[in-house]
Amino acid sequence: MKILAIDTATEVCSVAILEDKNVILEKTLDAINTHSVALMPLVDEVLSKTNLTINDIDLFACDKGPRFFYWN
């Protein structure tokens, strides 16, 4: 199972691709108040670098953080 995981709960914005319990690729950006701008390019980057498309993803996982992404 391929998983696209997104974390925007803190100042660090992270996107990862996992296959079962193994991390294939993870990218992070440590920049406060830029999640709304940086998130989709990070998703595009990890998909591109792993030669996957959104259709290859079996599960999407994300957190509901206390701030930053949805406060912008």
C-alpha atoms as a PDB file:
ATOM      1  CA  MET A   1       0.000   0.000   0.000  1.00  0.00           C
ATOM      2  CA  LYS A   2       1.372   3.409  -0.984  1.00  0.00           C
ATOM      3  CA  ILE A   3       0.633   6.255   1.432  1.00  0.00           C
ATOM      4  CA  LEU A   4       0.962  10.004   0.922  1.00  0.00           C
ATOM      5  CA  ALA A   5       1.436  11.563   4.359  1.00  0.00           C
ATOM      6  CA  ILE A   6       1.191  15.300   5.031  1.00  0.00           C
ATOM      7  CA  ASP A   7       2.089  17.133   8.246  1.00  0.00           C
ATOM      8  CA  THR A   8       1.376  20.833   8.647  1.00  0.00           C
ATOM      9  CA  ALA A   9       0.853  20.985  12.423  1.00  0.00           C
ATOM     10  CA  THR A  10       3.992  22.942  13.286  1.00  0.00           C
ATOM     11  CA  GLU A  11       6.420  25.358  11.663  1.00  0.00           C
ATOM     12  CA  VAL A  12       7.750  22.409   9.660  1.00  0.00           C
ATOM     13  CA  CYS A  13       5.719  21.302   6.656  1.00  0.00           C
ATOM     14  CA  SER A  14       6.398  17.673   5.713  1.00  0.00           C
ATOM     15  CA  VAL A  15       5.278  15.414   2.890  1.00  0.00           C
ATOM     16  CA  ALA A  16       6.236  11.747   2.646  1.00  0.00           C
ATOM     17  CA  ILE A  17       5.565   8.734   0.476  1.00  0.00           C
ATOM     18  CA  LEU A  18       5.489   5.409   2.288  1.00  0.00           C
ATOM     19  CA  GLU A  19       5.046   1.892   1.027  1.00  0.00           C
ATOM     20  CA  ASP A  20       3.588  -0.187   3.806  1.00  0.00           C
ATOM     21  CA  LYS A  21       5.843   0.715   6.773  1.00  0.00           C
ATOM     22  CA  ASN A  22       8.831   1.892   4.727  1.00  0.00           C
ATOM     23  CA  VAL A  23       9.493   5.548   3.962  1.00  0.00           C
ATOM     24  CA  ILE A  24      10.306   5.919   0.268  1.00  0.00           C
ATOM     25  CA  LEU A  25      10.897   9.683   0.358  1.00  0.00           C
ATOM     26  CA  GLU A  26      10.273  12.520   2.791  1.00  0.00           C
ATOM     27  CA  LYS A  27      10.656  16.244   2.162  1.00  0.00           C
ATOM     28  CA  THR A  28      10.386  18.939   4.802  1.00  0.00           C
ATOM     29  CA  LEU A  29      10.329  22.704   4.758  1.00  0.00           C
ATOM     30  CA  ASP A  30      11.135  24.594   7.929  1.00  0.00           C
ATOM     31  CA  ALA A  31       9.568  27.954   7.228  1.00  0.00           C
ATOM     32  CA  ILE A  32       6.863  29.531   9.341  1.00  0.00           C
ATOM     33  CA  ASN A  33       3.686  30.817   7.671  1.00  0.00           C
ATOM     34  CA  THR A  34       4.433  29.384   4.201  1.00  0.00           C
ATOM     35  CA  HIS A  35       2.559  26.075   4.341  1.00  0.00           C
ATOM     36  CA  SER A  36      -0.264  27.253   2.116  1.00  0.00           C
ATOM     37  CA  VAL A  37       2.249  28.169  -0.589  1.00  0.00           C
ATOM     38  CA  ALA A  38       4.695  25.286  -0.128  1.00  0.00           C
ATOM     39  CA  LEU A  39       2.455  22.271   0.409  1.00  0.00           C
ATOM     40  CA  MET A  40       1.386  21.433  -3.149  1.00  0.00           C
ATOM     41  CA  PRO A  41       4.867  21.948  -4.656  1.00  0.00           C
ATOM     42  CA  LEU A  42       6.213  19.553  -1.977  1.00  0.00           C
ATOM     43  CA  VAL A  43       3.552  16.988  -2.914  1.00  0.00           C
ATOM     44  CA  ASP A  44       4.433  17.386  -6.600  1.00  0.00           C
ATOM     45  CA  GLU A  45       8.139  17.007  -5.810  1.00  0.00           C
ATOM     46  CA  VAL A  46       7.831  13.762  -3.823  1.00  0.00           C
ATOM     47  CA  LEU A  47       5.521  12.253  -6.430  1.00  0.00           C
ATOM     48  CA  SER A  48       7.870  13.236  -9.235  1.00  0.00           C
ATOM     49  CA  LYS A  49      11.018  11.981  -7.484  1.00  0.00           C
ATOM     50  CA  THR A  50       9.390   8.619  -6.761  1.00  0.00           C
ATOM     51  CA  ASN A  51       7.978   8.317 -10.299  1.00  0.00           C
ATOM     52  CA  LEU A  52       4.453   8.095  -8.914  1.00  0.00           C
ATOM     53  CA  THR A  53       1.242   9.873  -9.763  1.00  0.00           C
ATOM     54  CA  ILE A  54      -1.628  10.727  -7.464  1.00  0.00           C
ATOM     55  CA  ASN A  55      -3.457   7.720  -8.940  1.00  0.00           C
ATOM     56  CA  ASP A  56      -0.755   5.416  -7.533  1.00  0.00           C
ATOM     57  CA  ILE A  57      -1.558   6.486  -3.969  1.00  0.00           C
ATOM     58  CA  ASP A  58      -3.738   4.079  -1.999  1.00  0.00           C
ATOM     59  CA  LEU A  59      -4.146   6.142   1.165  1.00  0.00           C
ATOM     60  CA  PHE A  60      -3.866   9.809   2.098  1.00  0.00           C
ATOM     61  CA  ALA A  61      -2.901  10.659   5.676  1.00  0.00           C
ATOM     62  CA  CYS A  62      -2.756  14.097   7.230  1.00  0.00           C
ATOM     63  CA  ASP A  63      -2.862  15.684  10.621  1.00  0.00           C
ATOM     64  CA  LYS A  64      -5.083  18.436  11.865  1.00  0.00           C
ATOM     65  CA  GLY A  65      -2.584  20.749  13.391  1.00  0.00           C
ATOM     66  CA  PRO A  66      -3.108  23.495  15.894  1.00  0.00           C
ATOM     67  CA  ARG A  67      -2.302  26.326  13.494  1.00  0.00           C
ATOM     68  CA  PHE A  68      -0.234  27.645  10.561  1.00  0.00           C
ATOM     69  CA  PHE A  69      -1.652  25.971   7.455  1.00  0.00           C
ATOM     70  CA  TYR A  70      -5.313  26.754   7.920  1.00  0.00           C
ATOM     71  CA  TRP A  71      -4.682  30.102   9.632  1.00  0.00           C
ATOM     72  CA  ASN A  72      -3.085  31.683   6.551  1.00  0.00           C
END
